[in-house]
C-alpha atoms as a PDB file:
ATOM      1  CA  ASN A   1      35.772   7.628  19.065  1.00  0.00           C
ATOM      2  CA  SER A   2      36.593   5.039  16.234  1.00  0.00           C
ATOM      3  CA  ASP A   3      36.613   2.256  18.706  1.00  0.00           C
ATOM      4  CA  LEU A   4      32.894   2.684  19.453  1.00  0.00           C
ATOM      5  CA  MET A   5      30.002   1.815  17.161  1.00  0.00           C
ATOM      6  CA  VAL A   6      26.472   2.711  18.165  1.00  0.00           C
ATOM      7  CA  GLN A   7      23.038   1.718  16.759  1.00  0.00           C
ATOM      8  CA  CYS A   8      20.077   3.538  18.017  1.00  0.00           C
ATOM      9  CA  GLY A   9      17.419   1.052  17.600  1.00  0.00           C
ATOM     10  CA  THR A  10      13.630   1.298  18.397  1.00  0.00           C
ATOM     11  CA  SER A  11      13.719  -0.827  21.459  1.00  0.00           C
ATOM     12  CA  LYS A  12      17.358  -1.149  22.206  1.00  0.00           C
ATOM     13  CA  ILE A  13      20.666   0.540  21.799  1.00  0.00           C
ATOM     14  CA  THR A  14      23.360  -1.615  20.393  1.00  0.00           C
ATOM     15  CA  LEU A  15      27.150  -0.826  21.098  1.00  0.00           C
ATOM     16  CA  ASP A  16      30.317  -2.441  19.820  1.00  0.00           C
ATOM     17  CA  ILE A  17      33.787  -1.769  21.216  1.00  0.00           C
ATOM     18  CA  ASN A  18      36.845  -2.987  19.466  1.00  0.00           C
ATOM     19  CA  LEU A  19      38.215  -5.897  21.408  1.00  0.00           C
ATOM     20  CA  CYS A  20      41.775  -5.333  20.466  1.00  0.00           C
ATOM     21  CA  THR A  21      41.711  -1.949  22.089  1.00  0.00           C
ATOM     22  CA  VAL A  22      40.397  -3.561  25.412  1.00  0.00           C
ATOM     23  CA  GLN A  23      43.113  -6.065  25.360  1.00  0.00           C
ATOM     24  CA  TRP A  24      45.781  -3.799  24.457  1.00  0.00           C
ATOM     25  CA  ALA A  25      44.873  -1.668  27.562  1.00  0.00           C
ATOM     26  CA  GLY A  26      45.335  -4.663  29.608  1.00  0.00           C
ATOM     27  CA  PHE A  27      41.658  -5.552  30.247  1.00  0.00           C
ATOM     28  CA  ASN A  28      39.462  -8.370  29.884  1.00  0.00           C
ATOM     29  CA  ALA A  29      36.138  -8.058  28.190  1.00  0.00           C
ATOM     30  CA  THR A  30      34.403  -8.738  31.445  1.00  0.00           C
ATOM     31  CA  GLU A  31      35.948  -5.862  33.027  1.00  0.00           C
ATOM     32  CA  LEU A  32      33.872  -3.444  30.880  1.00  0.00           C
ATOM     33  CA  ALA A  33      30.295  -2.498  31.977  1.00  0.00           C
ATOM     34  CA  LEU A  34      27.439  -0.296  31.133  1.00  0.00           C
ATOM     35  CA  ASN A  35      27.075   2.800  33.558  1.00  0.00           C
ATOM     36  CA  GLY A  36      29.343   1.509  36.172  1.00  0.00           C
ATOM     37  CA  GLN A  37      27.326  -1.566  36.868  1.00  0.00           C
ATOM     38  CA  TYR A  38      30.581  -3.964  37.232  1.00  0.00           C
ATOM     39  CA  SER A  39      28.681  -6.464  39.461  1.00  0.00           C
ATOM     40  CA  ASN A  40      25.687  -6.715  37.212  1.00  0.00           C
ATOM     41  CA  THR A  41      26.112  -9.448  34.713  1.00  0.00           C
ATOM     42  CA  ALA A  42      23.283  -7.995  32.515  1.00  0.00           C
ATOM     43  CA  CYS A  43      25.373  -5.007  32.060  1.00  0.00           C
ATOM     44  CA  GLN A  44      28.531  -6.725  30.852  1.00  0.00           C
ATOM     45  CA  GLY A  45      29.313  -7.249  27.217  1.00  0.00           C
ATOM     46  CA  SER A  46      29.857 -10.364  25.212  1.00  0.00           C
ATOM     47  CA  VAL A  47      32.778 -11.049  22.883  1.00  0.00           C
ATOM     48  CA  ASP A  48      31.841 -11.592  19.271  1.00  0.00           C
ATOM     49  CA  THR A  49      34.764 -12.961  17.133  1.00  0.00           C
ATOM     50  CA  SER A  50      32.629 -13.563  13.997  1.00  0.00           C
ATOM     51  CA  VAL A  51      33.357 -10.053  12.729  1.00  0.00           C
ATOM     52  CA  ASN A  52      36.588  -8.377  11.936  1.00  0.00           C
ATOM     53  CA  PRO A  53      37.767  -6.666  14.006  1.00  0.00           C
ATOM     54  CA  PRO A  54      36.313  -8.778  17.071  1.00  0.00           C
ATOM     55  CA  VAL A  55      34.208  -6.646  19.292  1.00  0.00           C
ATOM     56  CA  VAL A  56      32.665  -6.521  22.716  1.00  0.00           C
ATOM     57  CA  HIS A  57      29.001  -6.389  22.240  1.00  0.00           C
ATOM     58  CA  PHE A  58      26.457  -4.560  24.480  1.00  0.00           C
ATOM     59  CA  GLN A  59      22.506  -4.039  24.379  1.00  0.00           C
ATOM     60  CA  LEU A  60      20.879  -1.319  26.451  1.00  0.00           C
ATOM     61  CA  PRO A  61      17.052  -1.084  26.461  1.00  0.00           C
ATOM     62  CA  VAL A  62      15.669   2.241  25.442  1.00  0.00           C
ATOM     63  CA  ASN A  63      12.750   2.008  28.045  1.00  0.00           C
ATOM     64  CA  GLN A  64      13.480   3.514  31.465  1.00  0.00           C
ATOM     65  CA  SER A  65      11.756   0.548  33.057  1.00  0.00           C
ATOM     66  CA  GLN A  66      12.179  -1.991  35.739  1.00  0.00           C
ATOM     67  CA  ASP A  67      13.580  -4.390  33.094  1.00  0.00           C
ATOM     68  CA  ASN A  68      16.414  -1.902  32.593  1.00  0.00           C
ATOM     69  CA  SER A  69      18.805  -2.533  35.599  1.00  0.00           C
ATOM     70  CA  CYS A  70      21.801  -0.984  33.750  1.00  0.00           C
ATOM     71  CA  ARG A  71      20.242   2.595  33.997  1.00  0.00           C
ATOM     72  CA  GLN A  72      20.805   5.282  31.671  1.00  0.00           C
ATOM     73  CA  SER A  73      20.143   9.059  31.373  1.00  0.00           C
ATOM     74  CA  LEU A  74      16.881  10.052  29.597  1.00  0.00           C
ATOM     75  CA  GLN A  75      16.334  13.781  28.995  1.00  0.00           C
ATOM     76  CA  ILE A  76      13.497  15.500  27.062  1.00  0.00           C
ATOM     77  CA  VAL A  77      14.780  18.490  25.208  1.00  0.00           C
ATOM     78  CA  ASP A  78      13.068  21.389  23.093  1.00  0.00           C
ATOM     79  CA  GLU A  79      14.481  21.986  19.664  1.00  0.00           C
ATOM     80  CA  MET A  80      13.781  24.437  16.671  1.00  0.00           C
ATOM     81  CA  PRO A  81      12.106  22.538  13.924  1.00  0.00           C
ATOM     82  CA  ASP A  82      13.684  22.203  10.560  1.00  0.00           C
ATOM     83  CA  PRO A  83      12.266  25.256   8.471  1.00  0.00           C
ATOM     84  CA  SER A  84      11.852  23.187   5.502  1.00  0.00           C
ATOM     85  CA  GLY A  85      10.109  20.195   7.215  1.00  0.00           C
ATOM     86  CA  PRO A  86       6.500  19.469   7.831  1.00  0.00           C
ATOM     87  CA  PHE A  87       6.746  20.909  11.514  1.00  0.00           C
ATOM     88  CA  SER A  88       8.215  24.169  10.249  1.00  0.00           C
ATOM     89  CA  SER A  89       5.333  26.264  11.733  1.00  0.00           C
ATOM     90  CA  PHE A  90       5.703  24.654  15.149  1.00  0.00           C
ATOM     91  CA  SER A  91       7.237  26.935  17.771  1.00  0.00           C
ATOM     92  CA  SER A  92       9.274  23.912  18.978  1.00  0.00           C
ATOM     93  CA  ILE A  93       9.652  20.289  18.727  1.00  0.00           C
ATOM     94  CA  GLN A  94      10.839  17.788  21.258  1.00  0.00           C
ATOM     95  CA  ALA A  95      13.454  14.969  21.281  1.00  0.00           C
ATOM     96  CA  VAL A  96      14.398  12.473  23.881  1.00  0.00           C
ATOM     97  CA  ILE A  97      18.140  11.971  24.442  1.00  0.00           C
ATOM     98  CA  VAL A  98      19.469   8.662  26.005  1.00  0.00           C
ATOM     99  CA  THR A  99      22.982   8.750  27.240  1.00  0.00           C
ATOM    100  CA  GLY A 100      25.163   6.463  29.228  1.00  0.00           C
ATOM    101  CA  TYR A 101      28.808   5.070  29.193  1.00  0.00           C
ATOM    102  CA  ILE A 102      30.893   2.006  29.157  1.00  0.00           C
ATOM    103  CA  ASN A 103      33.996   1.875  31.378  1.00  0.00           C
ATOM    104  CA  THR A 104      36.459  -0.162  33.342  1.00  0.00           C
ATOM    105  CA  PRO A 105      36.982   0.332  37.033  1.00  0.00           C
ATOM    106  CA  ARG A 106      39.055   3.315  37.810  1.00  0.00           C
ATOM    107  CA  SER A 107      42.663   2.539  38.867  1.00  0.00           C
ATOM    108  CA  ASP A 108      42.661   5.108  41.744  1.00  0.00           C
ATOM    109  CA  GLN A 109      44.999   3.319  44.165  1.00  0.00           C
ATOM    110  CA  GLY A 110      48.117   5.525  44.876  1.00  0.00           C
ATOM    111  CA  LEU A 111      49.059   8.904  43.442  1.00  0.00           C
ATOM    112  CA  ILE A 112      49.761   7.693  39.882  1.00  0.00           C
ATOM    113  CA  SER A 113      49.098   4.892  37.541  1.00  0.00           C
ATOM    114  CA  TYR A 114      50.607   3.193  34.476  1.00  0.00           C
ATOM    115  CA  SER A 115      47.434   1.646  33.360  1.00  0.00           C
ATOM    116  CA  THR A 116      44.863   2.981  30.981  1.00  0.00           C
ATOM    117  CA  ASP A 117      41.204   3.601  32.107  1.00  0.00           C
ATOM    118  CA  LEU A 118      38.819   3.009  29.255  1.00  0.00           C
ATOM    119  CA  TYR A 119      35.755   5.293  29.108  1.00  0.00           C
ATOM    120  CA  TYR A 120      33.258   5.418  26.177  1.00  0.00           C
ATOM    121  CA  HIS A 121      30.398   7.947  26.273  1.00  0.00           C
ATOM    122  CA  PHE A 122      27.411   7.537  23.946  1.00  0.00           C
ATOM    123  CA  SER A 123      24.113   9.133  23.194  1.00  0.00           C
ATOM    124  CA  CYS A 124      21.158   8.511  21.049  1.00  0.00           C
ATOM    125  CA  ARG A 125      18.665  11.330  19.866  1.00  0.00           C
ATOM    126  CA  TYR A 126      15.019  10.316  19.121  1.00  0.00           C
ATOM    127  CA  PRO A 127      12.605  12.705  17.627  1.00  0.00           C
ATOM    128  CA  LEU A 128       9.165  12.820  19.540  1.00  0.00           C
ATOM    129  CA  GLN A 129       7.266  14.247  16.363  1.00  0.00           C
ATOM    130  CA  TYR A 130       6.177  12.005  13.597  1.00  0.00           C
ATOM    131  CA  LEU A 131       4.177  12.249  10.559  1.00  0.00           C
ATOM    132  CA  LEU A 132       2.310   8.879   9.707  1.00  0.00           C
ATOM    133  CA  ASN A 133       1.094   8.581   6.146  1.00  0.00           C
ATOM    134  CA  ASN A 134       2.473   6.359   3.355  1.00  0.00           C
ATOM    135  CA  THR A 135       5.609   4.236   3.115  1.00  0.00           C
ATOM    136  CA  GLN A 136       7.164   2.633   6.322  1.00  0.00           C
ATOM    137  CA  ILE A 137      10.849   3.834   6.508  1.00  0.00           C
ATOM    138  CA  THR A 138      13.061   2.230   9.292  1.00  0.00           C
ATOM    139  CA  SER A 139      16.239   4.126  10.025  1.00  0.00           C
ATOM    140  CA  SER A 140      18.888   3.333  12.305  1.00  0.00           C
ATOM    141  CA  VAL A 141      22.490   4.716  12.394  1.00  0.00           C
ATOM    142  CA  SER A 142      25.845   3.002  12.930  1.00  0.00           C
ATOM    143  CA  VAL A 143      28.576   5.391  13.273  1.00  0.00           C
ATOM    144  CA  ALA A 144      31.796   5.631  14.909  1.00  0.00           C
ATOM    145  CA  THR A 145      31.018   8.578  17.061  1.00  0.00           C
ATOM    146  CA  SER A 146      29.472   8.971  20.497  1.00  0.00           C
ATOM    147  CA  ASN A 147      26.419  11.075  19.276  1.00  0.00           C
ATOM    148  CA  ASN A 148      23.770   9.288  17.110  1.00  0.00           C
ATOM    149  CA  ASN A 149      20.176   9.668  15.828  1.00  0.00           C
ATOM    150  CA  GLY A 150      17.428   7.076  16.056  1.00  0.00           C
ATOM    151  CA  THR A 151      13.825   6.702  15.562  1.00  0.00           C
ATOM    152  CA  PHE A 152      10.828   5.181  17.401  1.00  0.00           C
ATOM    153  CA  ILE A 153       8.849   4.636  13.943  1.00  0.00           C
ATOM    154  CA  ASP A 154       9.203   1.034  14.284  1.00  0.00           C
ATOM    155  CA  SER A 155       7.180   1.134  17.323  1.00  0.00           C
ATOM    156  CA  LEU A 156       4.351   3.273  15.864  1.00  0.00           C
ATOM    157  CA  LYS A 157       1.549   1.632  13.989  1.00  0.00           C
ATOM    158  CA  MET A 158      -1.778   2.883  12.417  1.00  0.00           C
ATOM    159  CA  SER A 159      -4.672   0.488  11.922  1.00  0.00           C
ATOM    160  CA  VAL A 160      -8.396   0.688  10.893  1.00  0.00           C
ATOM    161  CA  PHE A 161     -11.027  -1.420  12.266  1.00  0.00           C
ATOM    162  CA  ASN A 162     -14.659  -2.024  11.507  1.00  0.00           C
ATOM    163  CA  ASP A 163     -15.918  -2.294  15.338  1.00  0.00           C
ATOM    164  CA  SER A 164     -15.813   0.049  18.294  1.00  0.00           C
ATOM    165  CA  ASN A 165     -13.893  -2.486  20.377  1.00  0.00           C
ATOM    166  CA  TYR A 166     -11.042  -2.372  17.844  1.00  0.00           C
ATOM    167  CA  ASN A 167     -10.844  -6.266  17.678  1.00  0.00           C
ATOM    168  CA  TYR A 168     -11.678  -6.671  13.895  1.00  0.00           C
ATOM    169  CA  PRO A 169      -9.500  -4.990  11.263  1.00  0.00           C
ATOM    170  CA  LEU A 170     -11.308  -3.400   8.438  1.00  0.00           C
ATOM    171  CA  VAL A 171     -12.155  -5.722   5.472  1.00  0.00           C
ATOM    172  CA  VAL A 172     -13.278  -3.572   2.492  1.00  0.00           C
ATOM    173  CA  PRO A 173     -15.871  -5.365   0.245  1.00  0.00           C
ATOM    174  CA  PRO A 174     -15.067  -5.582  -3.529  1.00  0.00           C
ATOM    175  CA  THR A 175     -17.903  -3.002  -4.215  1.00  0.00           C
ATOM    176  CA  GLY A 176     -16.132  -0.526  -1.606  1.00  0.00           C
ATOM    177  CA  LEU A 177     -17.453   0.848   1.684  1.00  0.00           C
ATOM    178  CA  GLU A 178     -21.061   2.157   2.018  1.00  0.00           C
ATOM    179  CA  LEU A 179     -21.176   5.804   2.657  1.00  0.00           C
ATOM    180  CA  ARG A 180     -21.426   6.818   6.268  1.00  0.00           C
ATOM    181  CA  THR A 181     -20.073   3.367   7.515  1.00  0.00           C
ATOM    182  CA  LYS A 182     -18.175   3.957  10.679  1.00  0.00           C
ATOM    183  CA  LEU A 183     -14.314   3.395  10.493  1.00  0.00           C
ATOM    184  CA  TYR A 184     -12.317   3.030  13.606  1.00  0.00           C
ATOM    185  CA  VAL A 185      -8.639   4.308  13.521  1.00  0.00           C
ATOM    186  CA  GLU A 186      -6.050   3.233  16.050  1.00  0.00           C
ATOM    187  CA  VAL A 187      -2.451   4.449  16.448  1.00  0.00           C
ATOM    188  CA  LYS A 188      -0.288   2.606  18.870  1.00  0.00           C
ATOM    189  CA  ALA A 189       3.162   2.986  20.299  1.00  0.00           C
ATOM    190  CA  ASP A 190       4.466  -0.359  21.275  1.00  0.00           C
ATOM    191  CA  ASN A 191       7.105  -0.897  23.871  1.00  0.00           C
ATOM    192  CA  LEU A 192       7.380   2.823  24.763  1.00  0.00           C
ATOM    193  CA  THR A 193       5.996   2.919  28.333  1.00  0.00           C
ATOM    194  CA  GLN A 194       7.672   6.204  29.206  1.00  0.00           C
ATOM    195  CA  PHE A 195       5.654   8.196  26.739  1.00  0.00           C
ATOM    196  CA  ASN A 196       2.021   8.806  25.919  1.00  0.00           C
ATOM    197  CA  LEU A 197       1.038   9.212  22.314  1.00  0.00           C
ATOM    198  CA  LEU A 198      -0.686  12.581  21.106  1.00  0.00           C
ATOM    199  CA  LEU A 199      -2.246  13.086  17.753  1.00  0.00           C
ATOM    200  CA  ASP A 200      -2.010  16.741  16.723  1.00  0.00           C
ATOM    201  CA  ARG A 201      -3.677  16.481  13.396  1.00  0.00           C
ATOM    202  CA  CYS A 202      -5.393  13.616  11.305  1.00  0.00           C
ATOM    203  CA  PHE A 203      -6.587  14.193   7.905  1.00  0.00           C
ATOM    204  CA  ALA A 204      -7.532  12.355   4.629  1.00  0.00           C
ATOM    205  CA  THR A 205      -6.434  12.789   1.126  1.00  0.00           C
ATOM    206  CA  PRO A 206      -7.490  11.143  -2.342  1.00  0.00           C
ATOM    207  CA  THR A 207      -4.028  10.066  -3.100  1.00  0.00           C
ATOM    208  CA  PRO A 208      -0.728   9.275  -1.218  1.00  0.00           C
ATOM    209  CA  TYR A 209       1.755  12.119  -1.666  1.00  0.00           C
ATOM    210  CA  ASN A 210       2.035  15.802  -2.334  1.00  0.00           C
ATOM    211  CA  ILE A 211      -1.441  16.871  -1.940  1.00  0.00           C
ATOM    212  CA  PRO A 212      -2.205  20.565  -1.628  1.00  0.00           C
ATOM    213  CA  GLN A 213      -4.026  21.706   1.575  1.00  0.00           C
ATOM    214  CA  SER A 214      -7.026  22.495  -0.557  1.00  0.00           C
ATOM    215  CA  VAL A 215      -7.824  18.701  -1.000  1.00  0.00           C
ATOM    216  CA  GLN A 216      -7.086  17.654   2.535  1.00  0.00           C
ATOM    217  CA  TYR A 217      -9.914  16.811   4.664  1.00  0.00           C
ATOM    218  CA  ASP A 218      -9.215  17.340   8.401  1.00  0.00           C
ATOM    219  CA  PHE A 219     -10.756  14.888  10.725  1.00  0.00           C
ATOM    220  CA  PHE A 220      -9.509  17.009  13.709  1.00  0.00           C
ATOM    221  CA  THR A 221      -6.764  19.576  14.305  1.00  0.00           C
ATOM    222  CA  SER A 222      -5.862  19.750  18.100  1.00  0.00           C
ATOM    223  CA  CYS A 223      -9.353  20.515  19.660  1.00  0.00           C
ATOM    224  CA  ASN A 224     -11.139  21.280  16.536  1.00  0.00           C
ATOM    225  CA  ILE A 225     -12.993  18.185  15.411  1.00  0.00           C
ATOM    226  CA  ALA A 226     -15.035  17.819  12.257  1.00  0.00           C
ATOM    227  CA  ASN A 227     -18.622  16.677  12.082  1.00  0.00           C
ATOM    228  CA  ARG A 228     -18.982  12.919  11.996  1.00  0.00           C
ATOM    229  CA  THR A 229     -15.637  12.420  13.608  1.00  0.00           C
ATOM    230  CA  THR A 230     -15.242  11.321  17.199  1.00  0.00           C
ATOM    231  CA  VAL A 231     -11.884  11.262  19.152  1.00  0.00           C
ATOM    232  CA  THR A 232     -12.253   8.675  21.783  1.00  0.00           C
ATOM    233  CA  SER A 233      -8.695   8.534  23.271  1.00  0.00           C
ATOM    234  CA  ASN A 234      -5.666  10.808  22.776  1.00  0.00           C
ATOM    235  CA  GLY A 235      -2.658  11.888  24.738  1.00  0.00           C
ATOM    236  CA  VAL A 236      -3.666   9.659  27.748  1.00  0.00           C
ATOM    237  CA  SER A 237      -1.692   6.490  27.079  1.00  0.00           C
ATOM    238  CA  THR A 238       0.272   4.759  24.211  1.00  0.00           C
ATOM    239  CA  VAL A 239      -2.915   4.164  22.346  1.00  0.00           C
ATOM    240  CA  ALA A 240      -4.850   6.898  20.490  1.00  0.00           C
ATOM    241  CA  ARG A 241      -8.242   6.221  18.861  1.00  0.00           C
ATOM    242  CA  PHE A 242     -10.812   8.143  16.780  1.00  0.00           C
ATOM    243  CA  ASN A 243     -13.604   7.182  14.265  1.00  0.00           C
ATOM    244  CA  PHE A 244     -15.277   8.791  11.296  1.00  0.00           C
ATOM    245  CA  GLU A 245     -17.885   7.964   8.846  1.00  0.00           C
ATOM    246  CA  ALA A 246     -16.922   6.833   5.221  1.00  0.00           C
ATOM    247  CA  PHE A 247     -17.235   9.483   2.632  1.00  0.00           C
ATOM    248  CA  ARG A 248     -16.098  10.004  -0.921  1.00  0.00           C
ATOM    249  CA  PHE A 249     -14.193  12.790  -2.448  1.00  0.00           C
ATOM    250  CA  VAL A 250     -15.992  14.995  -4.907  1.00  0.00           C
ATOM    251  CA  GLN A 251     -13.109  14.758  -7.541  1.00  0.00           C
ATOM    252  CA  HIS A 252     -13.918  10.972  -7.807  1.00  0.00           C
ATOM    253  CA  HIS A 253     -17.527  11.647  -9.144  1.00  0.00           C
ATOM    254  CA  ASP A 254     -16.691   9.802 -12.116  1.00  0.00           C
ATOM    255  CA  GLN A 255     -15.265   6.724 -10.487  1.00  0.00           C
ATOM    256  CA  ALA A 256     -16.989   3.616  -9.119  1.00  0.00           C
ATOM    257  CA  LYS A 257     -14.904   3.915  -5.870  1.00  0.00           C
ATOM    258  CA  SER A 258     -13.325   6.804  -4.037  1.00  0.00           C
ATOM    259  CA  SER A 259     -10.002   6.194  -2.413  1.00  0.00           C
ATOM    260  CA  ILE A 260      -9.101   7.689   1.024  1.00  0.00           C
ATOM    261  CA  TYR A 261      -5.708   7.884   2.444  1.00  0.00           C
ATOM    262  CA  VAL A 262      -5.488   8.601   6.177  1.00  0.00           C
ATOM    263  CA  HIS A 263      -2.509  10.576   7.514  1.00  0.00           C
ATOM    264  CA  CYS A 264      -1.736  11.617  11.240  1.00  0.00           C
ATOM    265  CA  MET A 265       0.826  14.101  12.658  1.00  0.00           C
ATOM    266  CA  LEU A 266       1.704  12.788  16.124  1.00  0.00           C
ATOM    267  CA  ARG A 267       4.151  13.355  19.104  1.00  0.00           C
ATOM    268  CA  LEU A 268       5.296  11.284  21.944  1.00  0.00           C
ATOM    269  CA  CYS A 269       5.337  13.058  25.103  1.00  0.00           C
ATOM    270  CA  GLU A 270       5.896  12.608  28.854  1.00  0.00           C
ATOM    271  CA  PRO A 271       2.556  11.742  30.421  1.00  0.00           C
ATOM    272  CA  SER A 272       2.631  14.624  32.883  1.00  0.00           C
ATOM    273  CA  LYS A 273       3.072  17.174  29.967  1.00  0.00           C
ATOM    274  CA  CYS A 274       1.140  15.518  26.964  1.00  0.00           C
ATOM    275  CA  GLN A 275      -2.037  17.572  27.490  1.00  0.00           C
ATOM    276  CA  GLN A 276      -0.120  20.808  28.041  1.00  0.00           C
ATOM    277  CA  ILE A 277       1.528  20.571  24.605  1.00  0.00           C
ATOM    278  CA  ARG A 278      -0.005  22.685  21.786  1.00  0.00           C
ATOM    279  CA  LYS A 279       1.302  23.834  18.469  1.00  0.00           C
ATOM    280  CA  ARG A 280       0.649  27.325  16.971  1.00  0.00           C
ATOM    281  CA  SER A 281      -0.334  26.643  13.453  1.00  0.00           C
ATOM    282  CA  LEU A 282      -0.463  23.973  10.721  1.00  0.00           C
ATOM    283  CA  VAL A 283       1.576  23.310   7.543  1.00  0.00           C
ATOM    284  CA  PRO A 284       0.334  21.733   4.327  1.00  0.00           C
ATOM    285  CA  PHE A 285       1.240  17.925   4.125  1.00  0.00           C
ATOM    286  CA  GLY A 286       3.914  17.565   1.545  1.00  0.00           C
ATOM    287  CA  LYS A 287       7.110  15.833   0.751  1.00  0.00           C
ATOM    288  CA  GLU A 288       9.159  13.556   3.065  1.00  0.00           C
ATOM    289  CA  SER A 289      11.885  15.408   4.889  1.00  0.00           C
ATOM    290  CA  SER A 290      14.491  14.926   7.377  1.00  0.00           C
ATOM    291  CA  GLU A 291      12.043  15.865  10.155  1.00  0.00           C
ATOM    292  CA  SER A 292       9.321  13.345   9.085  1.00  0.00           C
ATOM    293  CA  THR A 293       8.958   9.563   9.119  1.00  0.00           C
ATOM    294  CA  THR A 294       6.044   7.903   7.219  1.00  0.00           C
ATOM    295  CA  ILE A 295       4.035   4.601   7.220  1.00  0.00           C
ATOM    296  CA  SER A 296       0.810   4.096   5.382  1.00  0.00           C
ATOM    297  CA  VAL A 297      -2.688   3.600   5.936  1.00  0.00           C
ATOM    298  CA  GLY A 298      -4.832   3.319   2.804  1.00  0.00           C
ATOM    299  CA  PRO A 299      -6.302   3.374   0.419  1.00  0.00           C
ATOM    300  CA  LEU A 300      -9.865   2.888   1.840  1.00  0.00           C
ATOM    301  CA  TYR A 301     -12.604   2.592  -0.720  1.00  0.00           C
END
């Protein structure tokens, strides 16, 4: 519907409804409510006349939590991956679809009515598979239809620490890290209480992009863990952690320092199902695609 604008944000869904349409139908802005919650002021919109045309503005938290009194439907669905994307060898990938509606109270008195009921249905699709590597990309969509795409990438963060308590961010000395120095990697999903974070695969490359698999060093793939790598937490909360010992790529034999870029393929999954999910095979890390979203960690020297 061209009267409805939807933005699928990381932590909240923003909806704008044309105020002129509401008034033309004979309603006040206060009569519109999210998901039929007419008596809940938190589910009512606010009028914004600073834009043209003026709109009734709504915000709905993405999280299905106690803070979200307006309620919405949250559904996990299985999908076929993009055959050209980095998850093309997965048997399936998952997405979460958040749906809801904004409407006015129904005029159901009597047999017929000459008043118009307003009903706006919306949905936002968020992929649950991500590739963390090089450049942060923030995507949100504002379109005049009821079905939209969003991303949780703003809630995902990868950090490197120099202590096992993950209190002190890594500081690389000017001469570089000593070989066999333990490095502690943490991947965190902020404000996503309904999902756990599962790392499918983490690996290192000597440069940021388009590295053939022959020069990728795997820290772990699923349950296969490399020597000198320890996975301490994965799939049990919104935080995943592992550590490894600093090394150098052989191709940097003529350089004073060897650069390391850390990459992780991860998924967000329901806590009850996180450990049951497995992928069948791996694909080489390559270019960005419509199915991948990237942020950077590296270089480490």
